[in-house]
Amino acid sequence: MLAGIGALILAVITTVLVTANLSESAKIERMVSIADGIPAADWELMSSSDPKHDILCIPFDQSCHKLSRAWQAAESVNVEELAVSTGYDLEVGTVYRPDCAEGWVDGVHIRLCVDGSEIGLNMYDR
């Protein structure tokens, strides 16, 4: 009897972990897809940090996935034009970050910052 209950508990835990892992993989793929769609064709990728799933992460108290990218453009980039070019509803220029555009897209926070011809992207999920 106890062996049957133990097997049932193990099956439930395994199902939950597999389902959560598939969901986490979909989140990671979405983040990478958003990031891949941002750069212009002539931008050079300077650095990249793609998210990995941490099975021990508890999303209630922290972001489980973070992504960052940095590009170098051939010429200076305007943050307003960059925000519009993404196709997302990003707020441009806050008091604390006048050269950045940021907002939430499909549960992912996006922050794009511009310094002349250098563009930085930071993303995290909830």
N, C-alpha and C. Protein backbone atom coordinates (compact mmCIF):
# COMPACT_ATOMS: atom_id res chain seq x y z
N MET A 1 0.83 -1.19 0.00
CA MET A 1 0.00 0.00 0.00
C MET A 1 0.88 1.26 0.00
N LEU A 2 1.86 1.29 0.91
CA LEU A 2 2.74 2.46 0.98
C LEU A 2 3.55 2.61 -0.30
N ALA A 3 3.95 1.49 -0.89
CA ALA A 3 4.72 1.55 -2.14
C ALA A 3 3.87 2.16 -3.24
N GLY A 4 2.58 1.84 -3.27
CA GLY A 4 1.67 2.39 -4.28
C GLY A 4 1.48 3.89 -4.10
N ILE A 5 1.37 4.34 -2.85
CA ILE A 5 1.22 5.78 -2.57
C ILE A 5 2.51 6.51 -2.93
N GLY A 6 3.65 5.91 -2.59
CA GLY A 6 4.94 6.50 -2.93
C GLY A 6 5.10 6.63 -4.44
N ALA A 7 4.69 5.61 -5.17
CA ALA A 7 4.79 5.64 -6.63
C ALA A 7 3.87 6.72 -7.21
N LEU A 8 2.69 6.86 -6.63
CA LEU A 8 1.75 7.89 -7.08
C LEU A 8 2.32 9.29 -6.82
N ILE A 9 2.88 9.51 -5.66
CA ILE A 9 3.48 10.80 -5.32
C ILE A 9 4.65 11.09 -6.27
N LEU A 10 5.48 10.11 -6.52
CA LEU A 10 6.60 10.29 -7.44
C LEU A 10 6.12 10.62 -8.85
N ALA A 11 5.05 9.97 -9.29
CA ALA A 11 4.49 10.23 -10.62
C ALA A 11 3.95 11.66 -10.72
N VAL A 12 3.27 12.12 -9.67
CA VAL A 12 2.74 13.49 -9.66
C VAL A 12 3.87 14.51 -9.69
N ILE A 13 4.88 14.29 -8.87
CA ILE A 13 6.02 15.22 -8.82
C ILE A 13 6.73 15.26 -10.17
N THR A 14 6.94 14.10 -10.78
CA THR A 14 7.59 14.04 -12.08
C THR A 14 6.78 14.77 -13.14
N THR A 15 5.46 14.59 -13.14
CA THR A 15 4.58 15.27 -14.09
C THR A 15 4.65 16.78 -13.91
N VAL A 16 4.62 17.24 -12.68
CA VAL A 16 4.70 18.67 -12.40
C VAL A 16 6.03 19.24 -12.88
N LEU A 17 7.13 18.56 -12.59
CA LEU A 17 8.45 19.04 -13.00
C LEU A 17 8.61 19.06 -14.52
N VAL A 18 8.13 18.04 -15.19
CA VAL A 18 8.23 17.98 -16.66
C VAL A 18 7.38 19.08 -17.28
N THR A 19 6.16 19.28 -16.78
CA THR A 19 5.28 20.34 -17.29
C THR A 19 5.90 21.71 -17.04
N ALA A 20 6.43 21.92 -15.84
CA ALA A 20 7.07 23.20 -15.51
C ALA A 20 8.28 23.44 -16.40
N ASN A 21 9.06 22.40 -16.66
CA ASN A 21 10.25 22.53 -17.50
C ASN A 21 9.87 22.90 -18.93
N LEU A 22 8.80 22.31 -19.47
CA LEU A 22 8.33 22.67 -20.81
C LEU A 22 7.88 24.11 -20.84
N SER A 23 7.18 24.55 -19.80
CA SER A 23 6.73 25.93 -19.71
C SER A 23 7.92 26.87 -19.63
N GLU A 24 8.93 26.51 -18.85
CA GLU A 24 10.13 27.34 -18.71
C GLU A 24 10.89 27.40 -20.03
N SER A 25 10.95 26.30 -20.74
CA SER A 25 11.61 26.29 -22.04
C SER A 25 10.91 27.23 -23.01
N ALA A 26 9.58 27.26 -22.96
CA ALA A 26 8.81 28.16 -23.83
C ALA A 26 9.10 29.62 -23.47
N LYS A 27 9.24 29.92 -22.19
CA LYS A 27 9.57 31.29 -21.76
C LYS A 27 10.94 31.69 -22.28
N ILE A 28 11.90 30.79 -22.16
CA ILE A 28 13.25 31.08 -22.63
C ILE A 28 13.25 31.30 -24.14
N GLU A 29 12.57 30.45 -24.87
CA GLU A 29 12.49 30.60 -26.32
C GLU A 29 11.86 31.94 -26.69
N ARG A 30 10.84 32.36 -25.96
CA ARG A 30 10.17 33.64 -26.24
C ARG A 30 11.14 34.79 -25.99
N MET A 31 11.88 34.75 -24.90
CA MET A 31 12.85 35.81 -24.61
C MET A 31 13.90 35.91 -25.71
N VAL A 32 14.43 34.78 -26.12
CA VAL A 32 15.46 34.76 -27.15
C VAL A 32 14.88 35.27 -28.48
N SER A 33 13.65 34.89 -28.76
CA SER A 33 12.99 35.35 -29.98
C SER A 33 12.83 36.87 -29.99
N ILE A 34 12.41 37.44 -28.87
CA ILE A 34 12.28 38.90 -28.76
C ILE A 34 13.65 39.55 -28.97
N ALA A 35 14.66 39.05 -28.28
CA ALA A 35 16.01 39.63 -28.38
C ALA A 35 16.56 39.52 -29.80
N ASP A 36 16.32 38.39 -30.46
CA ASP A 36 16.83 38.20 -31.81
C ASP A 36 16.18 39.15 -32.81
N GLY A 37 14.98 39.62 -32.50
CA GLY A 37 14.28 40.52 -33.41
C GLY A 37 14.63 41.99 -33.26
N ILE A 38 15.43 42.34 -32.29
CA ILE A 38 15.73 43.75 -32.02
C ILE A 38 16.83 44.34 -32.89
N PRO A 39 17.95 43.70 -33.08
CA PRO A 39 19.06 44.39 -33.76
C PRO A 39 18.80 44.64 -35.25
N ALA A 40 19.34 45.76 -35.73
CA ALA A 40 19.34 46.04 -37.16
C ALA A 40 20.39 45.14 -37.81
N ALA A 41 20.28 44.97 -39.10
CA ALA A 41 21.16 44.04 -39.83
C ALA A 41 22.64 44.40 -39.71
N ASP A 42 22.94 45.69 -39.56
CA ASP A 42 24.35 46.09 -39.55
C ASP A 42 24.94 46.22 -38.14
N TRP A 43 24.19 45.84 -37.11
CA TRP A 43 24.72 45.89 -35.75
C TRP A 43 25.63 44.69 -35.51
N GLU A 44 26.70 44.93 -34.78
CA GLU A 44 27.61 43.85 -34.42
C GLU A 44 27.32 43.43 -32.98
N LEU A 45 27.10 42.15 -32.76
CA LEU A 45 26.87 41.63 -31.42
C LEU A 45 28.18 41.66 -30.65
N MET A 46 28.20 42.38 -29.53
CA MET A 46 29.42 42.51 -28.72
C MET A 46 29.43 41.50 -27.56
N SER A 47 28.26 41.27 -26.98
CA SER A 47 28.18 40.28 -25.89
C SER A 47 26.75 39.76 -25.81
N SER A 48 26.63 38.57 -25.25
CA SER A 48 25.33 37.93 -25.15
C SER A 48 25.32 36.98 -23.97
N SER A 49 24.23 37.01 -23.24
CA SER A 49 24.02 36.09 -22.14
C SER A 49 22.58 35.60 -22.22
N ASP A 50 22.40 34.39 -22.72
CA ASP A 50 21.06 33.85 -22.88
C ASP A 50 20.63 33.15 -21.60
N PRO A 51 19.33 33.14 -21.34
CA PRO A 51 18.83 32.55 -20.09
C PRO A 51 18.90 31.03 -20.10
N LYS A 52 19.09 30.51 -18.94
CA LYS A 52 19.02 29.07 -18.71
C LYS A 52 18.00 28.85 -17.60
N HIS A 53 17.34 27.72 -17.62
CA HIS A 53 16.34 27.42 -16.59
C HIS A 53 17.01 26.84 -15.35
N ASP A 54 16.74 27.44 -14.22
CA ASP A 54 17.21 26.93 -12.93
C ASP A 54 16.03 26.23 -12.26
N ILE A 55 16.07 24.92 -12.21
CA ILE A 55 14.94 24.15 -11.70
C ILE A 55 14.61 24.49 -10.24
N LEU A 56 15.57 25.04 -9.51
CA LEU A 56 15.33 25.39 -8.11
C LEU A 56 14.80 26.81 -7.93
N CYS A 57 14.66 27.56 -9.02
CA CYS A 57 14.18 28.93 -8.92
C CYS A 57 12.70 28.95 -8.57
N ILE A 58 12.34 29.81 -7.64
CA ILE A 58 10.95 30.00 -7.25
C ILE A 58 10.52 31.36 -7.81
N PRO A 59 9.69 31.39 -8.87
CA PRO A 59 9.39 32.64 -9.55
C PRO A 59 8.57 33.63 -8.74
N PHE A 60 8.12 33.26 -7.57
CA PHE A 60 7.32 34.18 -6.76
C PHE A 60 8.17 35.29 -6.15
N ASP A 61 9.45 35.03 -5.95
CA ASP A 61 10.27 36.02 -5.26
C ASP A 61 11.46 36.52 -6.08
N GLN A 62 11.61 36.05 -7.31
CA GLN A 62 12.74 36.48 -8.13
C GLN A 62 12.49 36.16 -9.59
N SER A 63 13.26 36.77 -10.46
CA SER A 63 13.22 36.43 -11.88
C SER A 63 14.04 35.17 -12.09
N CYS A 64 13.45 34.21 -12.76
CA CYS A 64 14.16 32.96 -12.99
C CYS A 64 14.99 32.99 -14.25
N HIS A 65 14.68 33.89 -15.16
CA HIS A 65 15.40 33.95 -16.42
C HIS A 65 15.82 35.39 -16.69
N LYS A 66 17.06 35.56 -17.04
CA LYS A 66 17.60 36.88 -17.38
C LYS A 66 18.37 36.74 -18.68
N LEU A 67 18.29 37.76 -19.52
CA LEU A 67 18.99 37.77 -20.79
C LEU A 67 19.60 39.14 -20.98
N SER A 68 20.80 39.19 -21.50
CA SER A 68 21.40 40.48 -21.82
C SER A 68 22.14 40.36 -23.15
N ARG A 69 22.12 41.45 -23.88
CA ARG A 69 22.84 41.53 -25.15
C ARG A 69 23.40 42.95 -25.28
N ALA A 70 24.48 43.08 -25.99
CA ALA A 70 25.05 44.39 -26.29
C ALA A 70 25.47 44.38 -27.76
N TRP A 71 25.15 45.49 -28.44
CA TRP A 71 25.49 45.61 -29.85
C TRP A 71 26.23 46.92 -30.09
N GLN A 72 26.96 46.94 -31.17
CA GLN A 72 27.62 48.16 -31.66
C GLN A 72 27.03 48.45 -33.03
N ALA A 73 26.47 49.64 -33.18
CA ALA A 73 25.92 50.05 -34.48
C ALA A 73 26.97 50.86 -35.24
N ALA A 74 26.79 50.97 -36.54
CA ALA A 74 27.73 51.72 -37.38
C ALA A 74 27.64 53.22 -37.09
N GLU A 75 26.46 53.68 -36.69
CA GLU A 75 26.29 55.09 -36.37
C GLU A 75 25.39 55.24 -35.15
N SER A 76 25.28 56.44 -34.68
CA SER A 76 24.51 56.74 -33.47
C SER A 76 23.05 56.29 -33.62
N VAL A 77 22.48 55.79 -32.53
CA VAL A 77 21.11 55.28 -32.52
C VAL A 77 20.26 56.18 -31.62
N ASN A 78 19.06 56.49 -32.09
CA ASN A 78 18.12 57.31 -31.34
C ASN A 78 17.20 56.37 -30.55
N VAL A 79 17.07 56.59 -29.26
CA VAL A 79 16.30 55.67 -28.41
C VAL A 79 14.82 55.66 -28.78
N GLU A 80 14.26 56.80 -29.18
CA GLU A 80 12.85 56.83 -29.57
C GLU A 80 12.61 55.99 -30.82
N GLU A 81 13.49 56.16 -31.81
CA GLU A 81 13.36 55.38 -33.05
C GLU A 81 13.57 53.89 -32.79
N LEU A 82 14.50 53.60 -31.91
CA LEU A 82 14.76 52.20 -31.56
C LEU A 82 13.52 51.58 -30.91
N ALA A 83 12.90 52.30 -29.98
CA ALA A 83 11.71 51.79 -29.29
C ALA A 83 10.59 51.50 -30.29
N VAL A 84 10.37 52.40 -31.22
CA VAL A 84 9.33 52.22 -32.22
C VAL A 84 9.65 51.03 -33.12
N SER A 85 10.93 50.88 -33.49
CA SER A 85 11.33 49.82 -34.41
C SER A 85 11.11 48.42 -33.85
N THR A 86 11.03 48.29 -32.52
CA THR A 86 10.81 46.96 -31.93
C THR A 86 9.39 46.46 -32.17
N GLY A 87 8.46 47.41 -32.33
CA GLY A 87 7.06 47.02 -32.48
C GLY A 87 6.36 46.78 -31.15
N TYR A 88 7.06 47.00 -30.06
CA TYR A 88 6.48 46.81 -28.73
C TYR A 88 6.16 48.17 -28.10
N ASP A 89 5.25 48.16 -27.14
CA ASP A 89 4.86 49.38 -26.46
C ASP A 89 5.84 49.64 -25.32
N LEU A 90 6.93 50.33 -25.64
CA LEU A 90 7.97 50.61 -24.66
C LEU A 90 7.94 52.08 -24.28
N GLU A 91 8.07 52.35 -23.00
CA GLU A 91 8.12 53.73 -22.51
C GLU A 91 9.55 54.25 -22.70
N VAL A 92 9.65 55.41 -23.31
CA VAL A 92 10.96 55.98 -23.61
C VAL A 92 11.30 57.07 -22.61
N GLY A 93 12.52 56.99 -22.08
CA GLY A 93 13.06 58.05 -21.24
C GLY A 93 12.30 58.32 -19.96
N THR A 94 12.83 57.82 -18.88
CA THR A 94 12.31 58.16 -17.56
C THR A 94 13.30 59.12 -16.92
N VAL A 95 12.93 59.66 -15.79
CA VAL A 95 13.82 60.59 -15.09
C VAL A 95 15.15 59.92 -14.78
N TYR A 96 15.09 58.64 -14.40
CA TYR A 96 16.30 57.92 -14.00
C TYR A 96 17.05 57.33 -15.18
N ARG A 97 16.36 57.09 -16.27
CA ARG A 97 16.98 56.45 -17.44
C ARG A 97 16.52 57.16 -18.72
N PRO A 98 17.01 58.36 -18.98
CA PRO A 98 16.55 59.12 -20.15
C PRO A 98 16.93 58.50 -21.49
N ASP A 99 17.96 57.68 -21.53
CA ASP A 99 18.40 57.08 -22.79
C ASP A 99 17.97 55.62 -22.92
N CYS A 100 16.89 55.27 -22.22
CA CYS A 100 16.40 53.90 -22.25
C CYS A 100 14.92 53.86 -22.63
N ALA A 101 14.53 52.72 -23.13
CA ALA A 101 13.13 52.42 -23.41
C ALA A 101 12.83 51.10 -22.72
N GLU A 102 11.70 51.03 -22.03
CA GLU A 102 11.40 49.78 -21.33
C GLU A 102 9.92 49.53 -21.21
N GLY A 103 9.57 48.28 -20.99
CA GLY A 103 8.19 47.89 -20.82
C GLY A 103 8.07 46.38 -20.71
N TRP A 104 6.83 45.92 -20.50
CA TRP A 104 6.55 44.48 -20.37
C TRP A 104 5.94 43.97 -21.67
N VAL A 105 6.44 42.84 -22.14
CA VAL A 105 5.93 42.18 -23.33
C VAL A 105 5.78 40.70 -23.02
N ASP A 106 4.55 40.21 -23.04
CA ASP A 106 4.29 38.78 -22.80
C ASP A 106 4.95 38.27 -21.52
N GLY A 107 4.88 39.03 -20.44
CA GLY A 107 5.45 38.60 -19.17
C GLY A 107 6.96 38.76 -19.08
N VAL A 108 7.55 39.44 -20.05
CA VAL A 108 8.99 39.67 -20.07
C VAL A 108 9.25 41.17 -20.00
N HIS A 109 10.10 41.59 -19.06
CA HIS A 109 10.47 43.00 -18.98
C HIS A 109 11.65 43.25 -19.90
N ILE A 110 11.51 44.28 -20.74
CA ILE A 110 12.55 44.63 -21.69
C ILE A 110 13.08 46.01 -21.34
N ARG A 111 14.39 46.16 -21.31
CA ARG A 111 15.02 47.48 -21.16
C ARG A 111 16.10 47.60 -22.23
N LEU A 112 15.93 48.56 -23.11
CA LEU A 112 16.92 48.88 -24.14
C LEU A 112 17.53 50.22 -23.81
N CYS A 113 18.82 50.30 -23.70
CA CYS A 113 19.51 51.55 -23.41
C CYS A 113 20.50 51.86 -24.53
N VAL A 114 20.61 53.15 -24.84
CA VAL A 114 21.44 53.60 -25.94
C VAL A 114 22.48 54.59 -25.42
N ASP A 115 23.71 54.40 -25.87
CA ASP A 115 24.78 55.35 -25.58
C ASP A 115 25.52 55.57 -26.90
N GLY A 116 25.06 56.54 -27.67
CA GLY A 116 25.63 56.79 -28.98
C GLY A 116 25.33 55.64 -29.92
N SER A 117 26.36 54.89 -30.29
CA SER A 117 26.17 53.76 -31.19
C SER A 117 26.19 52.42 -30.46
N GLU A 118 26.19 52.47 -29.13
CA GLU A 118 26.16 51.25 -28.32
C GLU A 118 24.74 51.03 -27.80
N ILE A 119 24.26 49.81 -27.96
CA ILE A 119 22.91 49.47 -27.53
C ILE A 119 23.00 48.31 -26.56
N GLY A 120 22.33 48.44 -25.43
CA GLY A 120 22.31 47.38 -24.44
C GLY A 120 20.89 46.90 -24.21
N LEU A 121 20.71 45.62 -24.09
CA LEU A 121 19.41 45.02 -23.82
C LEU A 121 19.50 44.19 -22.55
N ASN A 122 18.54 44.38 -21.65
CA ASN A 122 18.41 43.55 -20.47
C ASN A 122 16.96 43.10 -20.40
N MET A 123 16.76 41.82 -20.17
CA MET A 123 15.42 41.27 -20.08
C MET A 123 15.35 40.34 -18.87
N TYR A 124 14.16 40.28 -18.27
CA TYR A 124 13.90 39.28 -17.23
C TYR A 124 12.43 38.98 -17.22
N ASP A 125 12.08 37.83 -16.67
CA ASP A 125 10.67 37.44 -16.60
C ASP A 125 10.18 37.50 -15.18
N ARG A 126 8.92 37.28 -15.02
CA ARG A 126 8.31 37.23 -13.69
C ARG A 126 8.11 35.81 -13.27
